[in-house]
Amino acid sequence: MATKLKGKTALVTGAAQGIGAAIARAFVAEGAFVYVTDLNDELGHAVAAELGDRARYLHLDVRDESQWQRVTGQILGERGRLDVLVNNAGITGFEQGVVAQDPEHARLEDWQAVHRTNLDGVFLGCKHGIRAMRPAGAGSIINISSRSGLVGIPGAAAYASSKAAVRNHSKTVALYCAEQGLAIRCNSIHPAAILTPMWEPMLGDGPDRAARMAALVRDTPLRRFGRSEEVAAVALLLASDEAAYMTGSELNLDGGLLAGSAVTPAVIE
């Protein structure tokens, strides 16, 4: 039986689908009790039901501090501790359709909306995660950033800015916890081109889907999309005691995209 997280209690935000759901599944498979949280109650309940008696769904709007207080208070009341927090909830800003997100034309309200979820949500998660973990003096906070937090994205300025801030804040949290004498670690994961529901509008379901997929990963050295399960595997490492000496680190999961430049695999004739 897999037991890397045996006895641990975890909270995963944005866990109703995609990367968050994959992380919840991986954690439960390794022995954790997982609180699946999201705004989408229908999908969130479905994920928790799928995971059985090792999971529970709670509604959580990461932008609302009072909801963080309610959820962490409930977790401590029911489980007595919080060992792992994954701040995964995030938006691109294109959920309601195509809007200007470049530095010149983006509306302030659209810029702020992305930051409220992607950055304020992570700030609040870290704040209340630290407070929930402080009694035990230990824990793991995992923040899901993005490749877009490491490079500029002209057409998604708010998203890139918010994810860059998540990267930096993760290091600040790591240093703060160490300064406090707490064994609470904080690290960030930077995925790129992971095949999640957010890509579906661009891929479609027509006969040209495969061609569209190939075009979108043309500049990725490994020439494919990543899978949510591959991000979950990295989160599992960071959540486990195997990574007890890792804090303030950032792990890229991008098929080699940031290694330097795109390459074409050699063909031997």
Protein backbone atom coordinates (compact mmCIF):
# COMPACT_ATOMS: atom_id res chain seq x y z
CA MET A 1 0.00 0.00 0.00
CA ALA A 2 1.30 3.47 -0.93
CA THR A 3 1.81 5.54 2.23
CA LYS A 4 3.96 8.60 1.41
CA LEU A 5 1.30 10.83 2.96
CA LYS A 6 -0.13 8.41 5.51
CA GLY A 7 -1.78 10.26 8.37
CA LYS A 8 -1.51 13.66 6.71
CA THR A 9 -4.37 16.08 6.13
CA ALA A 10 -4.29 18.14 2.94
CA LEU A 11 -6.27 21.01 1.46
CA VAL A 12 -6.27 21.53 -2.31
CA THR A 13 -7.89 24.59 -3.88
CA GLY A 14 -9.37 24.57 -7.36
CA ALA A 15 -9.66 20.81 -7.03
CA ALA A 16 -12.91 20.22 -8.94
CA GLN A 17 -11.08 19.45 -12.17
CA GLY A 18 -7.75 19.58 -13.98
CA ILE A 19 -4.51 19.80 -12.03
CA GLY A 20 -6.24 20.26 -8.67
CA ALA A 21 -8.33 17.12 -9.06
CA ALA A 22 -5.26 15.14 -10.14
CA ILE A 23 -3.36 16.31 -7.07
CA ALA A 24 -6.26 15.34 -4.81
CA ARG A 25 -6.33 11.86 -6.36
CA ALA A 26 -2.58 11.41 -5.97
CA PHE A 27 -2.65 12.50 -2.34
CA VAL A 28 -5.51 10.17 -1.44
CA ALA A 29 -3.76 7.30 -3.21
CA GLU A 30 -0.75 7.90 -0.96
CA GLY A 31 -2.72 7.83 2.28
CA ALA A 32 -3.75 11.45 2.90
CA PHE A 33 -7.14 12.76 3.88
CA VAL A 34 -7.90 15.50 1.36
CA TYR A 35 -10.24 18.46 1.53
CA VAL A 36 -11.30 19.13 -2.05
CA THR A 37 -12.23 22.82 -2.39
CA ASP A 38 -13.57 24.87 -5.28
CA LEU A 39 -16.29 27.27 -6.42
CA ASN A 40 -17.88 24.61 -8.63
CA ASP A 41 -19.83 22.66 -6.05
CA GLU A 42 -21.21 20.08 -8.49
CA LEU A 43 -17.82 19.03 -9.84
CA GLY A 44 -16.17 19.35 -6.45
CA HIS A 45 -18.67 17.04 -4.79
CA ALA A 46 -18.18 14.57 -7.65
CA VAL A 47 -14.41 14.46 -7.15
CA ALA A 48 -14.76 14.00 -3.40
CA ALA A 49 -17.34 11.24 -3.92
CA GLU A 50 -15.01 9.49 -6.35
CA LEU A 51 -12.24 9.56 -3.73
CA GLY A 52 -14.43 7.99 -1.06
CA ASP A 53 -14.02 8.26 2.68
CA ARG A 54 -10.54 9.80 2.41
CA ALA A 55 -11.89 13.05 0.99
CA ARG A 56 -14.44 15.75 1.69
CA TYR A 57 -15.64 18.67 -0.40
CA LEU A 58 -15.83 22.21 0.97
CA HIS A 59 -16.89 25.33 -0.91
CA LEU A 60 -14.09 27.90 -0.93
CA ASP A 61 -13.76 31.19 -2.75
CA VAL A 62 -10.03 31.83 -2.36
CA ARG A 63 -10.58 35.59 -2.74
CA ASP A 64 -12.61 35.77 0.47
CA GLU A 65 -10.65 35.79 3.72
CA SER A 66 -13.67 34.89 5.81
CA GLN A 67 -14.06 31.69 3.79
CA TRP A 68 -10.42 30.79 4.42
CA GLN A 69 -11.04 31.28 8.13
CA ARG A 70 -14.14 29.09 7.98
CA VAL A 71 -12.47 26.30 6.01
CA THR A 72 -9.23 26.13 7.99
CA GLY A 73 -11.21 26.33 11.23
CA GLN A 74 -13.40 23.45 10.12
CA ILE A 75 -10.39 21.36 9.11
CA LEU A 76 -8.70 21.90 12.47
CA GLY A 77 -11.95 21.11 14.23
CA GLU A 78 -12.49 17.87 12.33
CA ARG A 79 -8.92 16.64 11.82
CA GLY A 80 -6.92 18.51 14.43
CA ARG A 81 -4.22 19.53 11.96
CA LEU A 82 -3.37 20.68 8.45
CA ASP A 83 -0.20 19.19 7.00
CA VAL A 84 -0.33 20.11 3.32
CA LEU A 85 -1.83 23.06 1.46
CA VAL A 86 -1.87 23.29 -2.33
CA ASN A 87 -2.79 26.73 -3.64
CA ASN A 88 -3.88 25.67 -7.11
CA ALA A 89 -6.98 27.77 -7.85
CA GLY A 90 -6.36 30.20 -10.67
CA ILE A 91 -7.85 31.90 -13.72
CA THR A 92 -6.46 33.14 -17.03
CA GLY A 93 -8.84 36.04 -17.51
CA PHE A 94 -10.32 34.50 -20.65
CA GLU A 95 -12.95 32.35 -18.92
CA GLN A 96 -15.82 34.51 -20.16
CA GLY A 97 -14.43 34.94 -23.67
CA VAL A 98 -11.67 36.80 -25.43
CA VAL A 99 -10.91 40.18 -23.86
CA ALA A 100 -7.88 42.45 -24.13
CA GLN A 101 -5.23 41.31 -21.67
CA ASP A 102 -2.19 43.05 -23.17
CA PRO A 103 -0.33 45.84 -21.32
CA GLU A 104 -1.83 48.63 -23.44
CA HIS A 105 -5.50 47.67 -23.74
CA ALA A 106 -6.33 45.57 -20.67
CA ARG A 107 -9.01 47.11 -18.48
CA LEU A 108 -8.06 47.74 -14.86
CA GLU A 109 -11.01 45.67 -13.65
CA ASP A 110 -9.87 42.67 -15.75
CA TRP A 111 -6.31 43.05 -14.45
CA GLN A 112 -7.57 43.18 -10.88
CA ALA A 113 -9.91 40.21 -11.33
CA VAL A 114 -7.02 37.94 -12.34
CA HIS A 115 -4.86 39.13 -9.46
CA ARG A 116 -7.65 38.70 -6.92
CA THR A 117 -7.82 34.99 -7.63
CA ASN A 118 -4.26 34.16 -8.62
CA LEU A 119 -2.35 36.34 -6.19
CA ASP A 120 -4.70 37.43 -3.40
CA GLY A 121 -5.97 33.85 -3.20
CA VAL A 122 -2.44 32.52 -2.75
CA PHE A 123 -1.59 35.22 -0.21
CA LEU A 124 -4.67 34.34 1.85
CA GLY A 125 -3.98 30.62 1.49
CA CYS A 126 -0.41 31.01 2.72
CA LYS A 127 -1.50 33.31 5.57
CA HIS A 128 -4.13 30.96 6.93
CA GLY A 129 -2.14 27.87 6.01
CA ILE A 130 0.75 29.03 8.19
CA ARG A 131 -1.63 29.76 11.04
CA ALA A 132 -3.24 26.33 10.74
CA MET A 133 0.14 24.58 10.59
CA ARG A 134 1.79 26.60 13.36
CA PRO A 135 0.53 24.45 16.29
CA ALA A 136 2.29 21.39 14.82
CA GLY A 137 5.26 23.51 13.75
CA ALA A 138 5.52 21.77 10.40
CA GLY A 139 3.84 21.42 7.03
CA SER A 140 4.16 21.88 3.30
CA ILE A 141 2.68 24.72 1.26
CA ILE A 142 2.74 24.20 -2.50
CA ASN A 143 1.86 27.08 -4.77
CA ILE A 144 1.01 26.42 -8.40
CA SER A 145 2.63 29.15 -10.46
CA SER A 146 3.32 28.79 -14.19
CA ARG A 147 5.94 29.07 -16.90
CA SER A 148 4.16 32.38 -17.52
CA GLY A 149 5.51 33.54 -14.16
CA LEU A 150 9.06 33.22 -15.48
CA VAL A 151 8.71 34.87 -18.90
CA GLY A 152 6.68 37.71 -20.37
CA ILE A 153 3.34 36.96 -22.02
CA PRO A 154 2.28 39.97 -24.15
CA GLY A 155 -1.31 38.79 -24.62
CA ALA A 156 -1.87 37.77 -20.98
CA ALA A 157 -0.18 40.46 -18.93
CA ALA A 158 -2.25 40.02 -15.77
CA TYR A 159 -1.86 36.25 -15.76
CA ALA A 160 1.93 36.48 -16.21
CA SER A 161 2.21 39.18 -13.55
CA SER A 162 0.14 37.23 -11.04
CA LYS A 163 2.09 34.02 -11.54
CA ALA A 164 5.42 35.84 -11.23
CA ALA A 165 4.20 37.26 -7.94
CA VAL A 166 3.24 33.76 -6.76
CA ARG A 167 6.80 32.61 -7.48
CA ASN A 168 8.30 35.42 -5.42
CA HIS A 169 5.79 35.18 -2.59
CA SER A 170 6.53 31.47 -2.23
CA LYS A 171 10.16 32.33 -1.47
CA THR A 172 9.10 35.01 1.00
CA VAL A 173 6.84 32.53 2.80
CA ALA A 174 9.65 29.96 2.90
CA LEU A 175 12.06 32.46 4.44
CA TYR A 176 9.48 33.75 6.90
CA CYS A 177 8.63 30.28 8.18
CA ALA A 178 12.30 29.39 8.57
CA GLU A 179 12.89 32.69 10.41
CA GLN A 180 10.02 31.78 12.73
CA GLY A 181 11.66 28.45 13.54
CA LEU A 182 8.88 26.55 11.81
CA ALA A 183 9.41 23.46 9.67
CA ILE A 184 6.76 24.75 7.27
CA ARG A 185 8.12 24.52 3.75
CA CYS A 186 6.87 26.53 0.80
CA ASN A 187 7.71 25.76 -2.82
CA SER A 188 6.26 26.61 -6.22
CA ILE A 189 5.56 24.48 -9.28
CA HIS A 190 5.72 26.06 -12.75
CA PRO A 191 3.78 23.99 -15.31
CA ALA A 192 3.49 24.80 -19.00
CA ALA A 193 1.19 23.36 -21.67
CA ILE A 194 -0.60 20.95 -19.35
CA LEU A 195 -3.67 19.49 -21.04
CA THR A 196 -6.48 20.72 -18.79
CA PRO A 197 -10.04 21.92 -19.52
CA MET A 198 -8.78 25.49 -20.04
CA TRP A 199 -7.29 24.39 -23.37
CA GLU A 200 -10.52 22.95 -24.75
CA PRO A 201 -11.86 26.15 -26.35
CA MET A 202 -8.65 26.39 -28.39
CA LEU A 203 -8.52 22.71 -29.31
CA GLY A 204 -12.17 22.04 -30.16
CA ASP A 205 -13.44 18.56 -30.97
CA GLY A 206 -13.37 18.66 -34.76
CA PRO A 207 -11.23 16.67 -37.19
CA ASP A 208 -8.41 19.22 -36.91
CA ARG A 209 -8.01 18.78 -33.13
CA ALA A 210 -4.82 16.73 -33.47
CA ALA A 211 -3.30 19.32 -35.79
CA ARG A 212 -4.20 22.11 -33.38
CA MET A 213 -2.60 20.21 -30.50
CA ALA A 214 0.57 19.67 -32.49
CA ALA A 215 0.75 23.33 -33.43
CA LEU A 216 0.35 24.49 -29.83
CA VAL A 217 3.29 22.39 -28.61
CA ARG A 218 5.45 22.85 -31.70
CA ASP A 219 8.02 24.86 -29.73
CA THR A 220 8.06 22.47 -26.77
CA PRO A 221 11.14 20.22 -27.03
CA LEU A 222 9.21 17.11 -25.93
CA ARG A 223 6.54 17.83 -28.58
CA ARG A 224 3.52 17.05 -26.44
CA PHE A 225 1.23 18.43 -23.80
CA GLY A 226 1.93 17.56 -20.21
CA ARG A 227 -0.63 15.66 -18.13
CA SER A 228 -2.24 16.77 -14.90
CA GLU A 229 -0.98 13.55 -13.32
CA GLU A 230 2.59 14.64 -14.05
CA VAL A 231 2.06 17.87 -12.11
CA ALA A 232 0.47 15.84 -9.32
CA ALA A 233 3.58 13.66 -9.09
CA VAL A 234 5.72 16.73 -8.41
CA ALA A 235 3.23 18.03 -5.85
CA LEU A 236 3.30 14.63 -4.14
CA LEU A 237 7.09 14.85 -3.79
CA LEU A 238 6.87 18.33 -2.27
CA ALA A 239 4.08 17.28 0.09
CA SER A 240 5.98 14.25 1.37
CA ASP A 241 8.70 14.04 3.99
CA GLU A 242 11.07 13.03 1.21
CA ALA A 243 11.37 16.74 0.39
CA ALA A 244 11.93 17.82 3.99
CA TYR A 245 14.99 19.92 3.06
CA MET A 246 13.37 21.62 0.08
CA THR A 247 11.91 25.07 0.65
CA GLY A 248 11.85 28.28 -1.37
CA SER A 249 12.44 26.23 -4.49
CA GLU A 250 10.74 26.36 -7.86
CA LEU A 251 10.23 23.31 -10.04
CA ASN A 252 9.59 23.70 -13.78
CA LEU A 253 7.38 21.17 -15.53
CA ASP A 254 7.40 22.32 -19.12
CA GLY A 255 8.67 19.64 -21.49
CA GLY A 256 12.00 21.48 -21.77
CA LEU A 257 10.45 24.76 -22.90
CA LEU A 258 12.61 26.89 -20.61
CA ALA A 259 15.80 24.91 -21.16
CA GLY A 260 16.93 27.31 -23.87
CA SER A 261 15.37 26.86 -27.27
CA ALA A 262 13.15 24.47 -29.14
CA VAL A 263 14.92 21.52 -30.66
CA THR A 264 14.02 19.03 -33.32
CA PRO A 265 14.81 15.42 -32.33
CA ALA A 266 17.58 14.04 -34.45
CA VAL A 267 16.53 11.67 -37.20
CA ILE A 268 18.90 8.86 -38.05
CA GLU A 269 18.47 7.62 -41.58
